[in-house]
């Protein structure tokens, strides 16, 4: 039993770490914590079989933390995601304006007027007083290198759709937007966009 637990423990820990790090939604993250729980229980069994009190203590605590993770991600957070998704789906089938969740902006593909991929949305900045989007931050892969460039696209150059964000800038105008400094984004973006696509 101890030998089996010794194999399951590291495998479960590695799989769970990948599941939670991937950030693929509440369900995957929640199940990642389920797998983490299996791993921490197996590590506890290894600690009991080898009389390692520190391993037993650490993984006893980690089992508790993982159970909290299961409650948060498969319980509360999953319910939030399901509620938002149900409103999106129902709005597409009704006469009311189509909805999408604000948290769904991050990760949406960003395309130009012709539908050519430009990158993906990372975040939307919203003005507190008006509640309107000021700008979105778009991530694009750096040419010939690892990493990405971030650019702020003003609201007047953005058209939201259910499955993508359309940017009314041509490739030259988009590339001319100054890349943002990591961790230092602007407090506002100029309201007029230039270089609009025809």
N, C-alpha and C. Protein backbone atom coordinates (compact mmCIF):
# COMPACT_ATOMS: atom_id res chain seq x y z
N UNK A 1 0.82 -1.21 0.00
CA UNK A 1 0.00 0.00 0.00
C UNK A 1 0.87 1.27 0.00
N UNK A 2 1.91 1.24 0.84
CA UNK A 2 2.80 2.40 0.94
C UNK A 2 3.53 2.65 -0.38
N UNK A 3 3.92 1.54 -1.07
CA UNK A 3 4.61 1.70 -2.35
C UNK A 3 3.68 2.27 -3.41
N UNK A 4 2.42 1.82 -3.44
CA UNK A 4 1.44 2.35 -4.38
C UNK A 4 1.19 3.83 -4.11
N UNK A 5 1.03 4.20 -2.83
CA UNK A 5 0.83 5.60 -2.47
C UNK A 5 2.02 6.44 -2.88
N UNK A 6 3.24 5.84 -2.80
CA UNK A 6 4.45 6.55 -3.20
C UNK A 6 4.50 6.86 -4.68
N UNK A 7 3.80 6.07 -5.50
CA UNK A 7 3.71 6.35 -6.94
C UNK A 7 2.57 7.31 -7.25
N UNK A 8 1.45 7.12 -6.58
CA UNK A 8 0.27 7.97 -6.85
C UNK A 8 0.52 9.40 -6.40
N UNK A 9 1.15 9.58 -5.24
CA UNK A 9 1.34 10.91 -4.65
C UNK A 9 2.03 11.89 -5.60
N UNK A 10 3.21 11.58 -6.14
CA UNK A 10 3.83 12.57 -7.02
C UNK A 10 3.10 12.74 -8.34
N UNK A 11 2.53 11.64 -8.87
CA UNK A 11 1.80 11.74 -10.13
C UNK A 11 0.58 12.64 -9.96
N UNK A 12 -0.17 12.43 -8.89
CA UNK A 12 -1.37 13.24 -8.64
C UNK A 12 -0.99 14.70 -8.43
N UNK A 13 0.09 14.94 -7.71
CA UNK A 13 0.53 16.32 -7.45
C UNK A 13 0.90 17.02 -8.75
N UNK A 14 1.62 16.34 -9.63
CA UNK A 14 2.03 16.96 -10.90
C UNK A 14 0.82 17.22 -11.81
N UNK A 15 -0.09 16.26 -11.90
CA UNK A 15 -1.28 16.42 -12.74
C UNK A 15 -2.14 17.56 -12.21
N UNK A 16 -2.35 17.59 -10.89
CA UNK A 16 -3.17 18.64 -10.29
C UNK A 16 -2.55 20.01 -10.49
N UNK A 17 -1.23 20.09 -10.39
CA UNK A 17 -0.56 21.38 -10.58
C UNK A 17 -0.79 21.89 -12.00
N UNK A 18 -0.74 21.00 -12.99
CA UNK A 18 -1.00 21.42 -14.37
C UNK A 18 -2.45 21.84 -14.56
N UNK A 19 -3.37 21.12 -13.93
CA UNK A 19 -4.80 21.45 -14.07
C UNK A 19 -5.13 22.82 -13.49
N UNK A 20 -4.57 23.12 -12.33
CA UNK A 20 -4.89 24.41 -11.71
C UNK A 20 -4.12 25.55 -12.37
N UNK A 21 -2.89 25.29 -12.80
CA UNK A 21 -2.10 26.35 -13.44
C UNK A 21 -2.66 26.73 -14.80
N UNK A 22 -3.33 25.79 -15.48
CA UNK A 22 -3.86 26.07 -16.82
C UNK A 22 -4.99 27.09 -16.80
N UNK A 23 -5.66 27.26 -15.66
CA UNK A 23 -6.74 28.24 -15.51
C UNK A 23 -7.78 28.10 -16.63
N UNK A 24 -8.32 26.90 -16.78
CA UNK A 24 -9.29 26.59 -17.83
C UNK A 24 -10.73 26.65 -17.35
N UNK A 25 -10.97 27.34 -16.27
CA UNK A 25 -12.32 27.49 -15.77
C UNK A 25 -12.49 26.82 -14.42
N UNK A 26 -13.63 27.10 -13.79
CA UNK A 26 -13.87 26.63 -12.42
C UNK A 26 -13.89 25.11 -12.32
N UNK A 27 -14.50 24.44 -13.29
CA UNK A 27 -14.60 22.98 -13.20
C UNK A 27 -13.22 22.31 -13.26
N UNK A 28 -12.39 22.70 -14.21
CA UNK A 28 -11.07 22.09 -14.32
C UNK A 28 -10.23 22.41 -13.09
N UNK A 29 -10.28 23.66 -12.64
CA UNK A 29 -9.53 24.03 -11.43
C UNK A 29 -10.05 23.25 -10.23
N UNK A 30 -11.37 23.13 -10.11
CA UNK A 30 -11.96 22.37 -9.01
C UNK A 30 -11.54 20.92 -9.01
N UNK A 31 -11.57 20.30 -10.19
CA UNK A 31 -11.12 18.91 -10.28
C UNK A 31 -9.63 18.81 -10.04
N UNK A 32 -8.88 19.86 -10.35
CA UNK A 32 -7.47 19.89 -10.00
C UNK A 32 -7.28 19.77 -8.49
N UNK A 33 -8.14 20.45 -7.73
CA UNK A 33 -8.06 20.35 -6.27
C UNK A 33 -8.48 18.97 -5.78
N UNK A 34 -9.39 18.31 -6.49
CA UNK A 34 -9.74 16.93 -6.14
C UNK A 34 -8.51 16.04 -6.29
N UNK A 35 -7.80 16.21 -7.41
CA UNK A 35 -6.59 15.41 -7.64
C UNK A 35 -5.51 15.78 -6.62
N UNK A 36 -5.39 17.09 -6.30
CA UNK A 36 -4.46 17.50 -5.25
C UNK A 36 -4.78 16.79 -3.93
N UNK A 37 -6.07 16.66 -3.62
CA UNK A 37 -6.48 16.00 -2.38
C UNK A 37 -6.04 14.54 -2.37
N UNK A 38 -6.23 13.87 -3.50
CA UNK A 38 -5.76 12.49 -3.62
C UNK A 38 -4.25 12.43 -3.37
N UNK A 39 -3.51 13.37 -3.98
CA UNK A 39 -2.06 13.41 -3.79
C UNK A 39 -1.67 13.65 -2.35
N UNK A 40 -2.34 14.60 -1.68
CA UNK A 40 -1.95 14.90 -0.29
C UNK A 40 -2.31 13.74 0.64
N UNK A 41 -3.40 13.03 0.36
CA UNK A 41 -3.72 11.84 1.17
C UNK A 41 -2.66 10.76 0.97
N UNK A 42 -2.25 10.57 -0.29
CA UNK A 42 -1.20 9.57 -0.56
C UNK A 42 0.12 9.97 0.07
N UNK A 43 0.46 11.27 0.03
CA UNK A 43 1.69 11.72 0.69
C UNK A 43 1.60 11.47 2.20
N UNK A 44 0.42 11.65 2.78
CA UNK A 44 0.22 11.37 4.21
C UNK A 44 0.46 9.89 4.50
N UNK A 45 -0.05 9.01 3.61
CA UNK A 45 0.16 7.57 3.79
C UNK A 45 1.65 7.22 3.69
N UNK A 46 2.35 7.88 2.76
CA UNK A 46 3.80 7.67 2.65
C UNK A 46 4.48 8.11 3.95
N UNK A 47 4.05 9.25 4.48
CA UNK A 47 4.62 9.73 5.74
C UNK A 47 4.36 8.79 6.89
N UNK A 48 3.14 8.21 6.93
CA UNK A 48 2.83 7.25 8.00
C UNK A 48 3.68 6.00 7.85
N UNK A 49 3.80 5.50 6.59
CA UNK A 49 4.58 4.28 6.36
C UNK A 49 6.07 4.45 6.61
N UNK A 50 6.57 5.67 6.48
CA UNK A 50 8.01 5.91 6.70
C UNK A 50 8.29 6.67 7.99
N UNK A 51 7.27 6.84 8.80
CA UNK A 51 7.38 7.54 10.10
C UNK A 51 7.96 8.95 9.96
N UNK A 52 7.54 9.66 8.93
CA UNK A 52 7.99 11.05 8.72
C UNK A 52 6.89 11.99 9.21
N UNK A 53 7.02 12.44 10.42
CA UNK A 53 6.01 13.30 11.03
C UNK A 53 5.82 14.60 10.24
N UNK A 54 6.92 15.15 9.71
CA UNK A 54 6.80 16.40 8.96
C UNK A 54 5.96 16.21 7.69
N UNK A 55 6.09 15.06 7.03
CA UNK A 55 5.32 14.78 5.83
C UNK A 55 3.84 14.59 6.18
N UNK A 56 3.58 13.95 7.28
CA UNK A 56 2.19 13.74 7.74
C UNK A 56 1.54 15.08 8.08
N UNK A 57 2.25 15.91 8.84
CA UNK A 57 1.72 17.20 9.27
C UNK A 57 1.46 18.12 8.08
N UNK A 58 2.45 18.23 7.21
CA UNK A 58 2.31 19.13 6.05
C UNK A 58 1.16 18.70 5.16
N UNK A 59 1.05 17.43 4.89
CA UNK A 59 0.01 16.98 3.97
C UNK A 59 -1.36 16.86 4.62
N UNK A 60 -1.38 16.73 5.94
CA UNK A 60 -2.67 16.84 6.64
C UNK A 60 -3.24 18.24 6.46
N UNK A 61 -2.37 19.25 6.62
CA UNK A 61 -2.80 20.64 6.39
C UNK A 61 -3.17 20.87 4.93
N UNK A 62 -2.36 20.34 3.99
CA UNK A 62 -2.65 20.52 2.57
C UNK A 62 -3.96 19.86 2.17
N UNK A 63 -4.32 18.75 2.80
CA UNK A 63 -5.61 18.13 2.53
C UNK A 63 -6.74 19.08 2.89
N UNK A 64 -6.62 19.75 4.03
CA UNK A 64 -7.63 20.75 4.42
C UNK A 64 -7.70 21.88 3.40
N UNK A 65 -6.52 22.42 2.97
CA UNK A 65 -6.48 23.50 1.99
C UNK A 65 -7.13 23.04 0.67
N UNK A 66 -6.83 21.82 0.26
CA UNK A 66 -7.40 21.30 -0.98
C UNK A 66 -8.92 21.15 -0.90
N UNK A 67 -9.43 20.77 0.26
CA UNK A 67 -10.89 20.67 0.43
C UNK A 67 -11.53 22.05 0.32
N UNK A 68 -10.86 23.07 0.84
CA UNK A 68 -11.36 24.44 0.67
C UNK A 68 -11.36 24.80 -0.82
N UNK A 69 -10.31 24.41 -1.54
CA UNK A 69 -10.24 24.66 -2.98
C UNK A 69 -11.37 23.98 -3.72
N UNK A 70 -11.70 22.75 -3.35
CA UNK A 70 -12.83 22.04 -3.97
C UNK A 70 -14.12 22.81 -3.72
N UNK A 71 -14.33 23.22 -2.47
CA UNK A 71 -15.56 23.97 -2.14
C UNK A 71 -15.64 25.25 -2.95
N UNK A 72 -14.52 25.98 -3.05
CA UNK A 72 -14.54 27.26 -3.75
C UNK A 72 -14.76 27.10 -5.24
N UNK A 73 -14.01 26.18 -5.88
CA UNK A 73 -14.02 26.10 -7.34
C UNK A 73 -15.12 25.21 -7.89
N UNK A 74 -15.48 24.12 -7.22
CA UNK A 74 -16.57 23.28 -7.72
C UNK A 74 -17.91 23.68 -7.11
N UNK A 75 -17.86 24.53 -6.11
CA UNK A 75 -19.09 25.01 -5.50
C UNK A 75 -19.42 26.41 -5.96
N UNK A 76 -18.91 27.39 -5.24
CA UNK A 76 -19.27 28.78 -5.47
C UNK A 76 -18.86 29.31 -6.85
N UNK A 77 -17.59 29.16 -7.22
CA UNK A 77 -17.12 29.73 -8.48
C UNK A 77 -17.78 29.07 -9.68
N UNK A 78 -18.00 27.75 -9.60
CA UNK A 78 -18.68 27.05 -10.68
C UNK A 78 -20.10 27.58 -10.85
N UNK A 79 -20.76 27.85 -9.73
CA UNK A 79 -22.12 28.39 -9.80
C UNK A 79 -22.14 29.77 -10.45
N UNK A 80 -21.13 30.60 -10.15
CA UNK A 80 -21.04 31.91 -10.80
C UNK A 80 -20.86 31.75 -12.31
N UNK A 81 -19.93 30.89 -12.70
CA UNK A 81 -19.69 30.68 -14.14
C UNK A 81 -20.93 30.14 -14.84
N UNK A 82 -21.59 29.17 -14.20
CA UNK A 82 -22.79 28.59 -14.80
C UNK A 82 -23.90 29.64 -14.95
N UNK A 83 -24.05 30.50 -13.94
CA UNK A 83 -25.06 31.56 -14.01
C UNK A 83 -24.80 32.52 -15.15
N UNK A 84 -23.55 32.97 -15.27
CA UNK A 84 -23.18 33.87 -16.36
C UNK A 84 -23.35 33.22 -17.72
N UNK A 85 -22.94 31.96 -17.83
CA UNK A 85 -23.06 31.24 -19.10
C UNK A 85 -24.52 31.04 -19.48
N UNK A 86 -25.37 30.75 -18.50
CA UNK A 86 -26.79 30.55 -18.83
C UNK A 86 -27.42 31.84 -19.33
N UNK A 87 -27.02 32.99 -18.75
CA UNK A 87 -27.55 34.27 -19.23
C UNK A 87 -27.08 34.53 -20.66
N UNK A 88 -25.81 34.22 -20.96
CA UNK A 88 -25.31 34.38 -22.33
C UNK A 88 -26.11 33.55 -23.31
N UNK A 89 -26.28 32.28 -22.99
CA UNK A 89 -26.97 31.35 -23.91
C UNK A 89 -28.42 31.78 -24.12
N UNK A 90 -29.13 32.11 -23.04
CA UNK A 90 -30.53 32.52 -23.17
C UNK A 90 -30.66 33.81 -23.96
N UNK A 91 -29.71 34.75 -23.78
CA UNK A 91 -29.82 36.03 -24.49
C UNK A 91 -29.63 35.86 -25.99
N UNK A 92 -28.88 34.86 -26.40
CA UNK A 92 -28.69 34.62 -27.84
C UNK A 92 -29.94 34.07 -28.50
N UNK A 93 -30.83 33.51 -27.71
CA UNK A 93 -32.05 32.92 -28.25
C UNK A 93 -33.28 33.80 -28.03
N UNK A 94 -33.09 34.98 -27.47
CA UNK A 94 -34.24 35.83 -27.16
C UNK A 94 -34.16 37.15 -27.91
N UNK A 95 -35.17 37.99 -27.71
CA UNK A 95 -35.22 39.28 -28.41
C UNK A 95 -34.47 40.38 -27.66
N UNK A 96 -33.98 40.08 -26.46
CA UNK A 96 -33.23 41.09 -25.70
C UNK A 96 -31.82 41.20 -26.25
N UNK A 97 -31.09 42.29 -25.95
CA UNK A 97 -29.71 42.40 -26.43
C UNK A 97 -28.86 41.21 -25.95
N UNK A 98 -27.99 40.74 -26.83
CA UNK A 98 -27.13 39.61 -26.50
C UNK A 98 -26.12 40.01 -25.42
N UNK A 99 -25.93 39.12 -24.46
CA UNK A 99 -25.04 39.38 -23.33
C UNK A 99 -23.79 38.51 -23.41
N UNK A 100 -22.73 38.97 -22.78
CA UNK A 100 -21.59 38.11 -22.47
C UNK A 100 -21.03 38.60 -21.14
N UNK A 101 -20.37 37.71 -20.42
CA UNK A 101 -19.88 38.07 -19.09
C UNK A 101 -18.64 38.95 -19.19
N UNK A 102 -18.51 39.88 -18.26
CA UNK A 102 -17.33 40.75 -18.24
C UNK A 102 -16.07 39.93 -18.02
N UNK A 103 -16.15 38.89 -17.18
CA UNK A 103 -14.97 38.06 -16.96
C UNK A 103 -14.61 37.27 -18.21
N UNK A 104 -15.57 37.13 -19.13
CA UNK A 104 -15.32 36.42 -20.38
C UNK A 104 -14.51 37.21 -21.37
N UNK A 105 -14.29 38.51 -21.11
CA UNK A 105 -13.49 39.33 -22.03
C UNK A 105 -12.06 38.79 -22.10
N UNK A 106 -11.49 38.46 -20.94
CA UNK A 106 -10.12 37.94 -20.92
C UNK A 106 -10.09 36.61 -21.66
N UNK A 107 -9.24 36.55 -22.67
CA UNK A 107 -9.11 35.33 -23.45
C UNK A 107 -9.86 35.34 -24.76
N UNK A 108 -10.79 36.32 -24.95
CA UNK A 108 -11.50 36.39 -26.22
C UNK A 108 -10.52 36.70 -27.35
N UNK A 109 -10.69 36.05 -28.50
CA UNK A 109 -9.83 36.40 -29.63
C UNK A 109 -10.13 37.82 -30.10
N UNK A 110 -9.09 38.52 -30.53
CA UNK A 110 -9.24 39.87 -31.08
C UNK A 110 -8.91 39.78 -32.57
N UNK A 111 -9.83 40.28 -33.39
CA UNK A 111 -9.67 40.21 -34.84
C UNK A 111 -9.84 41.60 -35.43
N UNK A 112 -9.29 41.78 -36.65
CA UNK A 112 -9.49 43.05 -37.34
C UNK A 112 -10.81 43.01 -38.10
N UNK A 113 -11.11 44.06 -38.85
CA UNK A 113 -12.39 44.16 -39.54
C UNK A 113 -12.61 43.02 -40.54
N UNK A 114 -11.52 42.45 -41.07
CA UNK A 114 -11.63 41.34 -42.02
C UNK A 114 -11.70 39.98 -41.34
N UNK A 115 -11.61 39.95 -40.01
CA UNK A 115 -11.64 38.69 -39.28
C UNK A 115 -10.29 38.05 -39.09
N UNK A 116 -9.22 38.77 -39.46
CA UNK A 116 -7.86 38.24 -39.27
C UNK A 116 -7.46 38.36 -37.81
N UNK A 117 -6.93 37.28 -37.26
CA UNK A 117 -6.55 37.26 -35.84
C UNK A 117 -5.44 38.26 -35.56
N UNK A 118 -5.62 39.04 -34.48
CA UNK A 118 -4.61 40.02 -34.06
C UNK A 118 -3.99 39.64 -32.73
N UNK A 119 -4.69 38.90 -31.93
CA UNK A 119 -4.20 38.53 -30.61
C UNK A 119 -5.37 38.09 -29.75
N UNK A 120 -5.21 38.27 -28.44
CA UNK A 120 -6.30 37.93 -27.52
C UNK A 120 -6.45 39.03 -26.49
N UNK A 121 -7.67 39.19 -26.01
CA UNK A 121 -7.94 40.18 -24.97
C UNK A 121 -7.40 39.68 -23.64
N UNK A 122 -6.77 40.57 -22.91
CA UNK A 122 -6.22 40.24 -21.61
C UNK A 122 -7.09 40.83 -20.50
N UNK A 123 -7.55 42.06 -20.72
CA UNK A 123 -8.32 42.77 -19.68
C UNK A 123 -9.09 43.91 -20.31
N UNK A 124 -10.13 44.34 -19.65
CA UNK A 124 -10.86 45.54 -20.03
C UNK A 124 -10.83 46.50 -18.85
N UNK A 125 -10.54 47.77 -19.12
CA UNK A 125 -10.55 48.79 -18.08
C UNK A 125 -11.83 49.60 -18.21
N UNK A 126 -12.55 49.71 -17.11
CA UNK A 126 -13.88 50.33 -17.11
C UNK A 126 -13.86 51.58 -16.26
N UNK A 127 -14.46 52.64 -16.79
CA UNK A 127 -14.53 53.90 -16.05
C UNK A 127 -15.53 53.76 -14.91
N UNK A 128 -15.11 54.13 -13.72
CA UNK A 128 -15.96 53.96 -12.54
C UNK A 128 -17.24 54.78 -12.63
N UNK A 129 -17.13 56.04 -13.03
CA UNK A 129 -18.29 56.92 -13.02
C UNK A 129 -19.34 56.53 -14.05
N UNK A 130 -18.90 56.27 -15.28
CA UNK A 130 -19.86 55.99 -16.35
C UNK A 130 -20.17 54.50 -16.49
N UNK A 131 -19.27 53.65 -16.02
CA UNK A 131 -19.45 52.21 -16.19
C UNK A 131 -19.12 51.75 -17.60
N UNK A 132 -18.54 52.63 -18.42
CA UNK A 132 -18.21 52.28 -19.80
C UNK A 132 -16.76 51.81 -19.92
N UNK A 133 -16.54 50.94 -20.90
CA UNK A 133 -15.18 50.47 -21.16
C UNK A 133 -14.35 51.63 -21.68
N UNK A 134 -13.19 51.86 -21.09
CA UNK A 134 -12.26 52.88 -21.55
C UNK A 134 -11.36 52.31 -22.65
N UNK A 135 -10.78 51.15 -22.36
CA UNK A 135 -9.95 50.47 -23.34
C UNK A 135 -9.82 49.01 -22.97
N UNK A 136 -9.41 48.20 -23.95
CA UNK A 136 -9.06 46.81 -23.68
C UNK A 136 -7.57 46.64 -23.93
N UNK A 137 -6.99 45.69 -23.24
CA UNK A 137 -5.59 45.36 -23.45
C UNK A 137 -5.53 44.09 -24.29
N UNK A 138 -4.79 44.17 -25.39
CA UNK A 138 -4.67 43.06 -26.32
C UNK A 138 -3.24 42.53 -26.28
N UNK A 139 -3.10 41.22 -26.14
CA UNK A 139 -1.78 40.56 -26.15
C UNK A 139 -1.52 39.98 -27.53
N UNK A 140 -0.35 40.28 -28.07
CA UNK A 140 0.09 39.69 -29.34
C UNK A 140 1.46 39.07 -29.14
N UNK A 141 1.70 37.95 -29.81
CA UNK A 141 2.99 37.28 -29.70
C UNK A 141 4.07 38.15 -30.33
N UNK A 142 5.22 38.20 -29.69
CA UNK A 142 6.35 38.94 -30.25
C UNK A 142 6.88 38.18 -31.45
N UNK A 143 7.23 38.91 -32.49
CA UNK A 143 7.75 38.29 -33.71
C UNK A 143 9.10 37.65 -33.45
N UNK A 144 9.21 36.35 -33.72
CA UNK A 144 10.48 35.65 -33.61
C UNK A 144 11.03 35.54 -32.21
N UNK A 145 10.20 35.70 -31.19
CA UNK A 145 10.72 35.62 -29.82
C UNK A 145 9.64 35.10 -28.89
N UNK A 146 10.08 34.67 -27.73
CA UNK A 146 9.12 34.27 -26.70
C UNK A 146 8.54 35.52 -26.07
N UNK A 147 7.38 35.39 -25.50
CA UNK A 147 6.76 36.52 -24.83
C UNK A 147 5.68 37.16 -25.69
N UNK A 148 5.19 38.27 -25.20
CA UNK A 148 4.09 38.95 -25.88
C UNK A 148 4.18 40.45 -25.67
N UNK A 149 3.57 41.18 -26.59
CA UNK A 149 3.41 42.62 -26.44
C UNK A 149 1.97 42.89 -26.04
N UNK A 150 1.79 43.88 -25.18
CA UNK A 150 0.45 44.30 -24.76
C UNK A 150 0.21 45.70 -25.30
N UNK A 151 -0.99 45.91 -25.87
CA UNK A 151 -1.36 47.22 -26.39
C UNK A 151 -2.75 47.58 -25.88
N UNK A 152 -2.94 48.86 -25.59
CA UNK A 152 -4.24 49.37 -25.17
C UNK A 152 -5.00 49.85 -26.40
N UNK A 153 -6.19 49.28 -26.62
CA UNK A 153 -7.02 49.67 -27.76
C UNK A 153 -8.20 50.47 -27.22
N UNK A 154 -8.36 51.73 -27.69
CA UNK A 154 -9.44 52.58 -27.16
C UNK A 154 -10.83 52.06 -27.52
N UNK A 155 -11.77 52.41 -26.67
CA UNK A 155 -13.15 51.95 -26.82
C UNK A 155 -13.74 52.29 -28.17
N UNK A 156 -13.40 53.45 -28.73
CA UNK A 156 -14.03 53.83 -30.00
C UNK A 156 -13.51 53.01 -31.18
N UNK A 157 -12.52 52.15 -30.94
CA UNK A 157 -12.02 51.28 -32.01
C UNK A 157 -12.43 49.82 -31.78
N UNK A 158 -13.32 49.60 -30.83
CA UNK A 158 -13.70 48.23 -30.43
C UNK A 158 -15.17 47.98 -30.74
N UNK A 159 -15.43 46.81 -31.29
CA UNK A 159 -16.81 46.32 -31.45
C UNK A 159 -16.87 44.94 -30.82
N UNK A 160 -17.72 44.81 -29.80
CA UNK A 160 -17.85 43.53 -29.11
C UNK A 160 -18.80 42.62 -29.88
N UNK A 161 -18.47 41.35 -29.95
CA UNK A 161 -19.39 40.34 -30.44
C UNK A 161 -19.35 39.19 -29.45
N UNK A 162 -20.17 38.20 -29.65
CA UNK A 162 -20.27 37.12 -28.67
C UNK A 162 -19.02 36.26 -28.60
N UNK A 163 -18.33 36.09 -29.71
CA UNK A 163 -17.22 35.16 -29.74
C UNK A 163 -15.86 35.80 -30.00
N UNK A 164 -15.83 37.10 -30.22
CA UNK A 164 -14.57 37.79 -30.50
C UNK A 164 -14.74 39.27 -30.27
N UNK A 165 -13.63 39.97 -30.20
CA UNK A 165 -13.64 41.43 -30.16
C UNK A 165 -13.06 41.91 -31.48
N UNK A 166 -13.82 42.73 -32.18
CA UNK A 166 -13.37 43.26 -33.47
C UNK A 166 -12.76 44.64 -33.24
N UNK A 167 -11.59 44.84 -33.83
CA UNK A 167 -10.88 46.10 -33.69
C UNK A 167 -10.90 46.81 -35.04
N UNK A 168 -11.40 48.04 -35.06
CA UNK A 168 -11.50 48.81 -36.29
C UNK A 168 -10.21 49.57 -36.58
N UNK A 169 -9.09 48.89 -36.45
CA UNK A 169 -7.79 49.46 -36.80
C UNK A 169 -7.13 48.52 -37.80
N UNK A 170 -6.45 49.09 -38.78
CA UNK A 170 -5.71 48.22 -39.68
C UNK A 170 -4.44 47.75 -38.99
N UNK A 171 -3.73 46.80 -39.60
CA UNK A 171 -2.55 46.20 -38.98
C UNK A 171 -1.47 47.24 -38.68
N UNK A 172 -1.31 48.21 -39.57
CA UNK A 172 -0.28 49.24 -39.36
C UNK A 172 -0.63 50.11 -38.17
N UNK A 173 -1.88 50.53 -38.09
CA UNK A 173 -2.31 51.38 -36.97
C UNK A 173 -2.25 50.62 -35.65
N UNK A 174 -2.61 49.34 -35.68
CA UNK A 174 -2.54 48.53 -34.46
C UNK A 174 -1.09 48.40 -34.00
N UNK A 175 -0.19 48.09 -34.93
CA UNK A 175 1.23 47.94 -34.59
C UNK A 175 1.83 49.26 -34.10
N UNK A 176 1.24 50.39 -34.53
CA UNK A 176 1.76 51.70 -34.12
C UNK A 176 1.37 52.05 -32.68
N UNK A 177 0.40 51.33 -32.10
CA UNK A 177 0.05 51.56 -30.69
C UNK A 177 1.25 51.16 -29.84
N UNK A 178 1.66 52.03 -28.96
CA UNK A 178 2.85 51.77 -28.14
C UNK A 178 2.62 50.57 -27.23
N UNK A 179 3.55 49.61 -27.20
CA UNK A 179 3.42 48.49 -26.25
C UNK A 179 3.41 49.01 -24.81
N UNK A 180 2.61 48.38 -23.99
CA UNK A 180 2.50 48.78 -22.59
C UNK A 180 3.66 48.23 -21.79
N UNK A 181 4.05 48.96 -20.79
CA UNK A 181 5.05 48.47 -19.85
C UNK A 181 4.38 47.47 -18.92
N UNK A 182 5.09 46.40 -18.61
CA UNK A 182 4.53 45.39 -17.72
C UNK A 182 4.23 46.01 -16.36
N UNK A 183 2.98 45.87 -15.93
CA UNK A 183 2.58 46.38 -14.62
C UNK A 183 2.38 47.87 -14.54
N UNK A 184 2.45 48.59 -15.67
CA UNK A 184 2.28 50.05 -15.66
C UNK A 184 1.42 50.46 -16.85
N UNK A 185 0.11 50.28 -16.71
CA UNK A 185 -0.83 50.58 -17.78
C UNK A 185 -1.35 52.00 -17.62
N UNK A 186 -1.79 52.62 -18.70
CA UNK A 186 -2.23 54.02 -18.63
C UNK A 186 -3.54 54.19 -17.86
N UNK A 187 -3.72 55.40 -17.31
CA UNK A 187 -4.97 55.69 -16.60
C UNK A 187 -6.07 56.06 -17.57
N UNK A 188 -5.73 56.33 -18.81
CA UNK A 188 -6.73 56.64 -19.84
C UNK A 188 -6.07 56.48 -21.21
N UNK A 189 -6.87 56.25 -22.21
CA UNK A 189 -6.37 56.11 -23.58
C UNK A 189 -7.00 57.22 -24.40
N UNK A 190 -6.26 57.83 -25.35
CA UNK A 190 -6.87 58.87 -26.19
C UNK A 190 -8.17 58.37 -26.81
N UNK A 191 -9.24 59.16 -26.77
CA UNK A 191 -10.55 58.70 -27.22
C UNK A 191 -10.68 58.52 -28.72
N UNK A 192 -9.83 59.15 -29.50
CA UNK A 192 -9.94 59.04 -30.95
C UNK A 192 -8.91 58.05 -31.47
N UNK A 193 -9.37 57.04 -32.19
CA UNK A 193 -8.46 56.06 -32.79
C UNK A 193 -8.18 56.47 -34.22
N UNK A 194 -6.95 56.29 -34.65
CA UNK A 194 -6.60 56.61 -36.02
C UNK A 194 -6.27 55.33 -36.77
N UNK A 195 -6.21 55.45 -38.10
CA UNK A 195 -5.87 54.28 -38.91
C UNK A 195 -6.95 53.24 -38.95
N UNK A 196 -8.19 53.68 -38.98
CA UNK A 196 -9.28 52.73 -39.01
C UNK A 196 -9.27 51.91 -40.28
N UNK A 197 -9.72 50.68 -40.16
CA UNK A 197 -9.83 49.84 -41.35
C UNK A 197 -10.94 50.36 -42.23
N UNK A 198 -10.77 50.16 -43.52
CA UNK A 198 -11.78 50.63 -44.47
C UNK A 198 -13.01 49.76 -44.38
